[in-house]
Amino acid sequence: MIFQITATHTHATCYAHSEEKRDVFVKTILDAEEKGVNVLSCHVNAGAHKIFMLIESDSLADVTAWMGPILPLNDYDMLPVLDMKAAVESIKA
């Protein structure tokens, strides 16, 4: 399954003000494969204080466990998404 995750924080809670928060976030991203999660992409809009991740995992439970250390750092929106080619093929079937 592929998930689009949007992480939002405020200026007051921004990682720019905390090396500890940055380290936790970076370590979590780097340790993803150990938790059964593949980070396909990770992008940031610094001015909007938003991080956009596209991840893949066979288990929502694995995603939840992987995100454990970073849950307090942001508010999250997580949506399951399909590859466009797979979506089009499912319509044709």
PDB file of N, CA and C in Angstrom:
ATOM      1  N   MET A   1       0.835  -1.176   0.000  1.00  0.00           N
ATOM      2  CA  MET A   1       0.000   0.000   0.000  1.00  0.00           C
ATOM      3  C   MET A   1       0.882   1.243   0.000  1.00  0.00           C
ATOM      4  N   ILE A   2       0.416   2.245  -0.717  1.00  0.00           N
ATOM      5  CA  ILE A   2       1.138   3.518  -0.756  1.00  0.00           C
ATOM      6  C   ILE A   2       0.325   4.553   0.021  1.00  0.00           C
ATOM      7  N   PHE A   3       1.018   5.365   0.815  1.00  0.00           N
ATOM      8  CA  PHE A   3       0.379   6.394   1.619  1.00  0.00           C
ATOM      9  C   PHE A   3       1.023   7.753   1.344  1.00  0.00           C
ATOM     10  N   GLN A   4       0.187   8.769   1.214  1.00  0.00           N
ATOM     11  CA  GLN A   4       0.648  10.157   1.139  1.00  0.00           C
ATOM     12  C   GLN A   4       0.466  10.726   2.542  1.00  0.00           C
ATOM     13  N   ILE A   5       1.564  11.147   3.157  1.00  0.00           N
ATOM     14  CA  ILE A   5       1.516  11.718   4.506  1.00  0.00           C
ATOM     15  C   ILE A   5       1.911  13.186   4.432  1.00  0.00           C
ATOM     16  N   THR A   6       1.073  14.033   5.003  1.00  0.00           N
ATOM     17  CA  THR A   6       1.393  15.459   5.145  1.00  0.00           C
ATOM     18  C   THR A   6       1.560  15.735   6.631  1.00  0.00           C
ATOM     19  N   ALA A   7       2.739  16.210   6.995  1.00  0.00           N
ATOM     20  CA  ALA A   7       3.052  16.556   8.382  1.00  0.00           C
ATOM     21  C   ALA A   7       3.105  18.075   8.495  1.00  0.00           C
ATOM     22  N   THR A   8       2.356  18.613   9.445  1.00  0.00           N
ATOM     23  CA  THR A   8       2.280  20.063   9.605  1.00  0.00           C
ATOM     24  C   THR A   8       2.650  20.444  11.036  1.00  0.00           C
ATOM     25  N   HIS A   9       3.494  21.462  11.147  1.00  0.00           N
ATOM     26  CA  HIS A   9       3.827  22.013  12.458  1.00  0.00           C
ATOM     27  C   HIS A   9       3.761  23.543  12.357  1.00  0.00           C
ATOM     28  N   THR A  10       4.012  24.219  13.439  1.00  0.00           N
ATOM     29  CA  THR A  10       3.953  25.681  13.451  1.00  0.00           C
ATOM     30  C   THR A  10       5.359  26.272  13.497  1.00  0.00           C
ATOM     31  N   HIS A  11       5.433  27.573  13.324  1.00  0.00           N
ATOM     32  CA  HIS A  11       6.721  28.251  13.454  1.00  0.00           C
ATOM     33  C   HIS A  11       7.302  28.000  14.848  1.00  0.00           C
ATOM     34  N   ALA A  12       6.458  28.043  15.851  1.00  0.00           N
ATOM     35  CA  ALA A  12       6.919  27.868  17.232  1.00  0.00           C
ATOM     36  C   ALA A  12       7.472  26.475  17.492  1.00  0.00           C
ATOM     37  N   THR A  13       6.978  25.475  16.762  1.00  0.00           N
ATOM     38  CA  THR A  13       7.438  24.101  16.974  1.00  0.00           C
ATOM     39  C   THR A  13       8.338  23.604  15.847  1.00  0.00           C
ATOM     40  N   CYS A  14       8.800  24.518  14.988  1.00  0.00           N
ATOM     41  CA  CYS A  14       9.591  24.173  13.814  1.00  0.00           C
ATOM     42  C   CYS A  14      10.929  23.538  14.187  1.00  0.00           C
ATOM     43  N   TYR A  15      11.340  22.597  13.371  1.00  0.00           N
ATOM     44  CA  TYR A  15      12.615  21.904  13.567  1.00  0.00           C
ATOM     45  C   TYR A  15      13.810  22.850  13.471  1.00  0.00           C
ATOM     46  N   ALA A  16      13.630  23.985  12.822  1.00  0.00           N
ATOM     47  CA  ALA A  16      14.724  24.951  12.718  1.00  0.00           C
ATOM     48  C   ALA A  16      15.180  25.427  14.091  1.00  0.00           C
ATOM     49  N   HIS A  17      14.311  25.290  15.079  1.00  0.00           N
ATOM     50  CA  HIS A  17      14.623  25.749  16.433  1.00  0.00           C
ATOM     51  C   HIS A  17      15.078  24.625  17.354  1.00  0.00           C
ATOM     52  N   SER A  18      15.168  23.398  16.845  1.00  0.00           N
ATOM     53  CA  SER A  18      15.494  22.272  17.714  1.00  0.00           C
ATOM     54  C   SER A  18      16.295  21.194  16.979  1.00  0.00           C
ATOM     55  N   GLU A  19      17.555  21.106  17.301  1.00  0.00           N
ATOM     56  CA  GLU A  19      18.405  20.061  16.721  1.00  0.00           C
ATOM     57  C   GLU A  19      17.909  18.676  17.145  1.00  0.00           C
ATOM     58  N   GLU A  20      17.392  18.571  18.360  1.00  0.00           N
ATOM     59  CA  GLU A  20      16.879  17.298  18.860  1.00  0.00           C
ATOM     60  C   GLU A  20      15.701  16.800  18.005  1.00  0.00           C
ATOM     61  N   LYS A  21      14.762  17.685  17.683  1.00  0.00           N
ATOM     62  CA  LYS A  21      13.621  17.301  16.841  1.00  0.00           C
ATOM     63  C   LYS A  21      14.087  16.895  15.447  1.00  0.00           C
ATOM     64  N   ARG A  22      15.038  17.656  14.891  1.00  0.00           N
ATOM     65  CA  ARG A  22      15.566  17.312  13.561  1.00  0.00           C
ATOM     66  C   ARG A  22      16.181  15.930  13.588  1.00  0.00           C
ATOM     67  N   ASP A  23      16.977  15.656  14.617  1.00  0.00           N
ATOM     68  CA  ASP A  23      17.651  14.359  14.713  1.00  0.00           C
ATOM     69  C   ASP A  23      16.651  13.207  14.808  1.00  0.00           C
ATOM     70  N   VAL A  24      15.597  13.386  15.602  1.00  0.00           N
ATOM     71  CA  VAL A  24      14.568  12.346  15.734  1.00  0.00           C
ATOM     72  C   VAL A  24      13.877  12.116  14.394  1.00  0.00           C
ATOM     73  N   PHE A  25      13.536  13.198  13.700  1.00  0.00           N
ATOM     74  CA  PHE A  25      12.842  13.060  12.422  1.00  0.00           C
ATOM     75  C   PHE A  25      13.732  12.372  11.389  1.00  0.00           C
ATOM     76  N   VAL A  26      14.966  12.820  11.265  1.00  0.00           N
ATOM     77  CA  VAL A  26      15.896  12.240  10.282  1.00  0.00           C
ATOM     78  C   VAL A  26      16.158  10.769  10.597  1.00  0.00           C
ATOM     79  N   LYS A  27      16.379  10.442  11.862  1.00  0.00           N
ATOM     80  CA  LYS A  27      16.620   9.042  12.241  1.00  0.00           C
ATOM     81  C   LYS A  27      15.416   8.177  11.897  1.00  0.00           C
ATOM     82  N   THR A  28      14.224   8.677  12.141  1.00  0.00           N
ATOM     83  CA  THR A  28      13.012   7.915  11.828  1.00  0.00           C
ATOM     84  C   THR A  28      12.920   7.652  10.333  1.00  0.00           C
ATOM     85  N   ILE A  29      13.192   8.664   9.516  1.00  0.00           N
ATOM     86  CA  ILE A  29      13.169   8.481   8.063  1.00  0.00           C
ATOM     87  C   ILE A  29      14.213   7.455   7.640  1.00  0.00           C
ATOM     88  N   LEU A  30      15.406   7.559   8.176  1.00  0.00           N
ATOM     89  CA  LEU A  30      16.490   6.655   7.787  1.00  0.00           C
ATOM     90  C   LEU A  30      16.266   5.212   8.255  1.00  0.00           C
ATOM     91  N   ASP A  31      15.527   5.039   9.351  1.00  0.00           N
ATOM     92  CA  ASP A  31      15.281   3.703   9.901  1.00  0.00           C
ATOM     93  C   ASP A  31      14.016   3.047   9.345  1.00  0.00           C
ATOM     94  N   ALA A  32      13.403   3.652   8.353  1.00  0.00           N
ATOM     95  CA  ALA A  32      12.110   3.180   7.852  1.00  0.00           C
ATOM     96  C   ALA A  32      12.140   1.725   7.407  1.00  0.00           C
ATOM     97  N   GLU A  33      13.139   1.333   6.640  1.00  0.00           N
ATOM     98  CA  GLU A  33      13.176  -0.029   6.104  1.00  0.00           C
ATOM     99  C   GLU A  33      13.205  -1.075   7.211  1.00  0.00           C
ATOM    100  N   GLU A  34      13.872  -0.744   8.332  1.00  0.00           N
ATOM    101  CA  GLU A  34      13.916  -1.668   9.468  1.00  0.00           C
ATOM    102  C   GLU A  34      12.536  -1.896  10.056  1.00  0.00           C
ATOM    103  N   LYS A  35      11.628  -0.963   9.826  1.00  0.00           N
ATOM    104  CA  LYS A  35      10.264  -1.032  10.370  1.00  0.00           C
ATOM    105  C   LYS A  35       9.245  -1.496   9.330  1.00  0.00           C
ATOM    106  N   GLY A  36       9.707  -1.912   8.151  1.00  0.00           N
ATOM    107  CA  GLY A  36       8.800  -2.393   7.125  1.00  0.00           C
ATOM    108  C   GLY A  36       8.169  -1.294   6.294  1.00  0.00           C
ATOM    109  N   VAL A  37       8.831  -0.138   6.248  1.00  0.00           N
ATOM    110  CA  VAL A  37       8.319   1.016   5.508  1.00  0.00           C
ATOM    111  C   VAL A  37       9.371   1.453   4.498  1.00  0.00           C
ATOM    112  N   ASN A  38       8.930   1.749   3.274  1.00  0.00           N
ATOM    113  CA  ASN A  38       9.814   2.267   2.242  1.00  0.00           C
ATOM    114  C   ASN A  38       9.431   3.725   1.985  1.00  0.00           C
ATOM    115  N   VAL A  39      10.341   4.651   2.269  1.00  0.00           N
ATOM    116  CA  VAL A  39      10.083   6.064   2.006  1.00  0.00           C
ATOM    117  C   VAL A  39      10.410   6.316   0.537  1.00  0.00           C
ATOM    118  N   LEU A  40       9.371   6.544  -0.266  1.00  0.00           N
ATOM    119  CA  LEU A  40       9.548   6.768  -1.698  1.00  0.00           C
ATOM    120  C   LEU A  40      10.010   8.188  -1.993  1.00  0.00           C
ATOM    121  N   SER A  41       9.508   9.148  -1.219  1.00  0.00           N
ATOM    122  CA  SER A  41       9.954  10.537  -1.356  1.00  0.00           C
ATOM    123  C   SER A  41       9.603  11.303  -0.091  1.00  0.00           C
ATOM    124  N   CYS A  42      10.363  12.349   0.149  1.00  0.00           N
ATOM    125  CA  CYS A  42      10.126  13.217   1.300  1.00  0.00           C
ATOM    126  C   CYS A  42      10.513  14.627   0.877  1.00  0.00           C
ATOM    127  N   HIS A  43       9.543  15.532   0.928  1.00  0.00           N
ATOM    128  CA  HIS A  43       9.750  16.912   0.491  1.00  0.00           C
ATOM    129  C   HIS A  43       9.241  17.857   1.557  1.00  0.00           C
ATOM    130  N   VAL A  44       9.729  19.087   1.523  1.00  0.00           N
ATOM    131  CA  VAL A  44       9.333  20.072   2.534  1.00  0.00           C
ATOM    132  C   VAL A  44       8.969  21.399   1.874  1.00  0.00           C
ATOM    133  N   ASN A  45       7.979  22.066   2.438  1.00  0.00           N
ATOM    134  CA  ASN A  45       7.688  23.459   2.136  1.00  0.00           C
ATOM    135  C   ASN A  45       7.969  24.188   3.443  1.00  0.00           C
ATOM    136  N   ALA A  46       9.205  24.674   3.585  1.00  0.00           N
ATOM    137  CA  ALA A  46       9.656  25.243   4.853  1.00  0.00           C
ATOM    138  C   ALA A  46       8.812  26.436   5.284  1.00  0.00           C
ATOM    139  N   GLY A  47       8.453  27.290   4.353  1.00  0.00           N
ATOM    140  CA  GLY A  47       7.665  28.472   4.701  1.00  0.00           C
ATOM    141  C   GLY A  47       6.281  28.140   5.216  1.00  0.00           C
ATOM    142  N   ALA A  48       5.713  27.038   4.730  1.00  0.00           N
ATOM    143  CA  ALA A  48       4.389  26.604   5.177  1.00  0.00           C
ATOM    144  C   ALA A  48       4.472  25.639   6.356  1.00  0.00           C
ATOM    145  N   HIS A  49       5.694  25.258   6.750  1.00  0.00           N
ATOM    146  CA  HIS A  49       5.922  24.315   7.852  1.00  0.00           C
ATOM    147  C   HIS A  49       5.201  22.994   7.586  1.00  0.00           C
ATOM    148  N   LYS A  50       5.377  22.483   6.359  1.00  0.00           N
ATOM    149  CA  LYS A  50       4.765  21.222   5.956  1.00  0.00           C
ATOM    150  C   LYS A  50       5.823  20.285   5.352  1.00  0.00           C
ATOM    151  N   ILE A  51       5.686  19.024   5.680  1.00  0.00           N
ATOM    152  CA  ILE A  51       6.533  17.975   5.122  1.00  0.00           C
ATOM    153  C   ILE A  51       5.605  17.002   4.403  1.00  0.00           C
ATOM    154  N   PHE A  52       5.987  16.600   3.200  1.00  0.00           N
ATOM    155  CA  PHE A  52       5.191  15.695   2.383  1.00  0.00           C
ATOM    156  C   PHE A  52       5.982  14.416   2.149  1.00  0.00           C
ATOM    157  N   MET A  53       5.410  13.288   2.551  1.00  0.00           N
ATOM    158  CA  MET A  53       6.081  12.004   2.375  1.00  0.00           C
ATOM    159  C   MET A  53       5.191  11.068   1.581  1.00  0.00           C
ATOM    160  N   LEU A  54       5.792  10.327   0.690  1.00  0.00           N
ATOM    161  CA  LEU A  54       5.127   9.247  -0.010  1.00  0.00           C
ATOM    162  C   LEU A  54       5.819   7.979   0.460  1.00  0.00           C
ATOM    163  N   ILE A  55       5.073   7.095   1.097  1.00  0.00           N
ATOM    164  CA  ILE A  55       5.678   5.885   1.653  1.00  0.00           C
ATOM    165  C   ILE A  55       4.934   4.657   1.148  1.00  0.00           C
ATOM    166  N   GLU A  56       5.578   3.522   1.287  1.00  0.00           N
ATOM    167  CA  GLU A  56       4.974   2.250   0.899  1.00  0.00           C
ATOM    168  C   GLU A  56       5.188   1.247   2.019  1.00  0.00           C
ATOM    169  N   SER A  57       4.139   0.500   2.333  1.00  0.00           N
ATOM    170  CA  SER A  57       4.232  -0.546   3.344  1.00  0.00           C
ATOM    171  C   SER A  57       3.103  -1.539   3.134  1.00  0.00           C
ATOM    172  N   ASP A  58       3.322  -2.775   3.515  1.00  0.00           N
ATOM    173  CA  ASP A  58       2.285  -3.798   3.425  1.00  0.00           C
ATOM    174  C   ASP A  58       1.342  -3.745   4.622  1.00  0.00           C
ATOM    175  N   SER A  59       1.704  -2.937   5.629  1.00  0.00           N
ATOM    176  CA  SER A  59       0.939  -2.968   6.871  1.00  0.00           C
ATOM    177  C   SER A  59       0.775  -1.575   7.468  1.00  0.00           C
ATOM    178  N   LEU A  60      -0.479  -1.194   7.721  1.00  0.00           N
ATOM    179  CA  LEU A  60      -0.732   0.074   8.416  1.00  0.00           C
ATOM    180  C   LEU A  60      -0.163   0.017   9.826  1.00  0.00           C
ATOM    181  N   ALA A  61      -0.158  -1.153  10.439  1.00  0.00           N
ATOM    182  CA  ALA A  61       0.431  -1.317  11.765  1.00  0.00           C
ATOM    183  C   ALA A  61       1.925  -0.990  11.741  1.00  0.00           C
ATOM    184  N   ASP A  62       2.626  -1.409  10.684  1.00  0.00           N
ATOM    185  CA  ASP A  62       4.052  -1.078  10.551  1.00  0.00           C
ATOM    186  C   ASP A  62       4.252   0.425  10.389  1.00  0.00           C
ATOM    187  N   VAL A  63       3.388   1.071   9.622  1.00  0.00           N
ATOM    188  CA  VAL A  63       3.484   2.526   9.433  1.00  0.00           C
ATOM    189  C   VAL A  63       3.286   3.231  10.767  1.00  0.00           C
ATOM    190  N   THR A  64       2.280   2.803  11.512  1.00  0.00           N
ATOM    191  CA  THR A  64       1.997   3.418  12.805  1.00  0.00           C
ATOM    192  C   THR A  64       3.169   3.244  13.765  1.00  0.00           C
ATOM    193  N   ALA A  65       3.729   2.049  13.811  1.00  0.00           N
ATOM    194  CA  ALA A  65       4.885   1.797  14.685  1.00  0.00           C
ATOM    195  C   ALA A  65       6.086   2.633  14.256  1.00  0.00           C
ATOM    196  N   TRP A  66       6.312   2.718  12.950  1.00  0.00           N
ATOM    197  CA  TRP A  66       7.434   3.499  12.421  1.00  0.00           C
ATOM    198  C   TRP A  66       7.298   4.967  12.791  1.00  0.00           C
ATOM    199  N   MET A  67       6.077   5.499  12.723  1.00  0.00           N
ATOM    200  CA  MET A  67       5.854   6.910  12.997  1.00  0.00           C
ATOM    201  C   MET A  67       5.886   7.263  14.493  1.00  0.00           C
ATOM    202  N   GLY A  68       5.895   6.255  15.346  1.00  0.00           N
ATOM    203  CA  GLY A  68       5.847   6.490  16.794  1.00  0.00           C
ATOM    204  C   GLY A  68       6.740   7.610  17.308  1.00  0.00           C
ATOM    205  N   PRO A  69       8.038   7.600  16.980  1.00  0.00           N
ATOM    206  CA  PRO A  69       8.932   8.634  17.511  1.00  0.00           C
ATOM    207  C   PRO A  69       8.633  10.050  17.008  1.00  0.00           C
ATOM    208  N   ILE A  70       7.995  10.168  15.846  1.00  0.00           N
ATOM    209  CA  ILE A  70       7.762  11.507  15.290  1.00  0.00           C
ATOM    210  C   ILE A  70       6.324  11.994  15.466  1.00  0.00           C
ATOM    211  N   LEU A  71       5.463  11.165  16.029  1.00  0.00           N
ATOM    212  CA  LEU A  71       4.074  11.586  16.210  1.00  0.00           C
ATOM    213  C   LEU A  71       3.932  12.889  17.001  1.00  0.00           C
ATOM    214  N   PRO A  72       4.716  13.107  18.060  1.00  0.00           N
ATOM    215  CA  PRO A  72       4.552  14.356  18.814  1.00  0.00           C
ATOM    216  C   PRO A  72       5.057  15.609  18.084  1.00  0.00           C
ATOM    217  N   LEU A  73       5.764  15.437  16.973  1.00  0.00           N
ATOM    218  CA  LEU A  73       6.401  16.569  16.309  1.00  0.00           C
ATOM    219  C   LEU A  73       5.485  17.335  15.364  1.00  0.00           C
ATOM    220  N   ASN A  74       4.404  16.729  14.912  1.00  0.00           N
ATOM    221  CA  ASN A  74       3.557  17.311  13.870  1.00  0.00           C
ATOM    222  C   ASN A  74       2.114  16.895  14.065  1.00  0.00           C
ATOM    223  N   ASP A  75       1.241  17.531  13.303  1.00  0.00           N
ATOM    224  CA  ASP A  75      -0.093  17.015  13.039  1.00  0.00           C
ATOM    225  C   ASP A  75       0.012  16.313  11.688  1.00  0.00           C
ATOM    226  N   TYR A  76      -0.689  15.195  11.526  1.00  0.00           N
ATOM    227  CA  TYR A  76      -0.538  14.390  10.319  1.00  0.00           C
ATOM    228  C   TYR A  76      -1.870  14.153   9.615  1.00  0.00           C
ATOM    229  N   ASP A  77      -1.813  14.166   8.295  1.00  0.00           N
ATOM    230  CA  ASP A  77      -2.878  13.662   7.434  1.00  0.00           C
ATOM    231  C   ASP A  77      -2.261  12.522   6.650  1.00  0.00           C
ATOM    232  N   MET A  78      -2.884  11.347   6.701  1.00  0.00           N
ATOM    233  CA  MET A  78      -2.360  10.196   5.977  1.00  0.00           C
ATOM    234  C   MET A  78      -3.474   9.630   5.105  1.00  0.00           C
ATOM    235  N   LEU A  79      -3.181   9.544   3.816  1.00  0.00           N
ATOM    236  CA  LEU A  79      -4.158   9.046   2.857  1.00  0.00           C
ATOM    237  C   LEU A  79      -3.585   7.877   2.074  1.00  0.00           C
ATOM    238  N   PRO A  80      -4.336   6.772   1.957  1.00  0.00           N
ATOM    239  CA  PRO A  80      -3.885   5.714   1.053  1.00  0.00           C
ATOM    240  C   PRO A  80      -4.089   6.194  -0.380  1.00  0.00           C
ATOM    241  N   VAL A  81      -3.123   5.941  -1.235  1.00  0.00           N
ATOM    242  CA  VAL A  81      -3.207   6.368  -2.631  1.00  0.00           C
ATOM    243  C   VAL A  81      -2.797   5.213  -3.543  1.00  0.00           C
ATOM    244  N   LEU A  82      -3.215   5.329  -4.808  1.00  0.00           N
ATOM    245  CA  LEU A  82      -2.856   4.343  -5.832  1.00  0.00           C
ATOM    246  C   LEU A  82      -1.949   4.975  -6.865  1.00  0.00           C
ATOM    247  N   ASP A  83      -1.072   4.175  -7.397  1.00  0.00           N
ATOM    248  CA  ASP A  83      -0.319   4.560  -8.573  1.00  0.00           C
ATOM    249  C   ASP A  83      -1.328   4.819  -9.690  1.00  0.00           C
ATOM    250  N   MET A  84      -1.146   5.892 -10.446  1.00  0.00           N
ATOM    251  CA  MET A  84      -2.116   6.263 -11.481  1.00  0.00           C
ATOM    252  C   MET A  84      -2.329   5.121 -12.487  1.00  0.00           C
ATOM    253  N   LYS A  85      -1.268   4.460 -12.882  1.00  0.00           N
ATOM    254  CA  LYS A  85      -1.396   3.365 -13.847  1.00  0.00           C
ATOM    255  C   LYS A  85      -2.280   2.256 -13.272  1.00  0.00           C
ATOM    256  N   ALA A  86      -2.077   1.914 -12.004  1.00  0.00           N
ATOM    257  CA  ALA A  86      -2.896   0.872 -11.367  1.00  0.00           C
ATOM    258  C   ALA A  86      -4.349   1.318 -11.276  1.00  0.00           C
ATOM    259  N   ALA A  87      -4.581   2.584 -10.984  1.00  0.00           N
ATOM    260  CA  ALA A  87      -5.951   3.100 -10.894  1.00  0.00           C
ATOM    261  C   ALA A  87      -6.653   3.024 -12.239  1.00  0.00           C
ATOM    262  N   VAL A  88      -5.958   3.422 -13.299  1.00  0.00           N
ATOM    263  CA  VAL A  88      -6.553   3.374 -14.642  1.00  0.00           C
ATOM    264  C   VAL A  88      -6.828   1.934 -15.056  1.00  0.00           C
ATOM    265  N   GLU A  89      -5.890   1.030 -14.761  1.00  0.00           N
ATOM    266  CA  GLU A  89      -6.092  -0.369 -15.118  1.00  0.00           C
ATOM    267  C   GLU A  89      -7.268  -0.980 -14.368  1.00  0.00           C
ATOM    268  N   SER A  90      -7.497  -0.548 -13.125  1.00  0.00           N
ATOM    269  CA  SER A  90      -8.616  -1.103 -12.351  1.00  0.00           C
ATOM    270  C   SER A  90      -9.949  -0.629 -12.938  1.00  0.00           C
ATOM    271  N   ILE A  91      -9.963   0.542 -13.550  1.00  0.00           N
ATOM    272  CA  ILE A  91     -11.185   1.063 -14.171  1.00  0.00           C
ATOM    273  C   ILE A  91     -11.500   0.264 -15.433  1.00  0.00           C
ATOM    274  N   LYS A  92     -10.458  -0.097 -16.162  1.00  0.00           N
ATOM    275  CA  LYS A  92     -10.635  -0.826 -17.416  1.00  0.00           C
ATOM    276  C   LYS A  92     -11.100  -2.264 -17.193  1.00  0.00           C
ATOM    277  N   ALA A  93     -10.782  -2.818 -16.036  1.00  0.00           N
ATOM    278  CA  ALA A  93     -11.080  -4.243 -15.766  1.00  0.00           C
ATOM    279  C   ALA A  93     -12.557  -4.535 -15.649  1.00  0.00           C
TER     280      ALA A  93
END
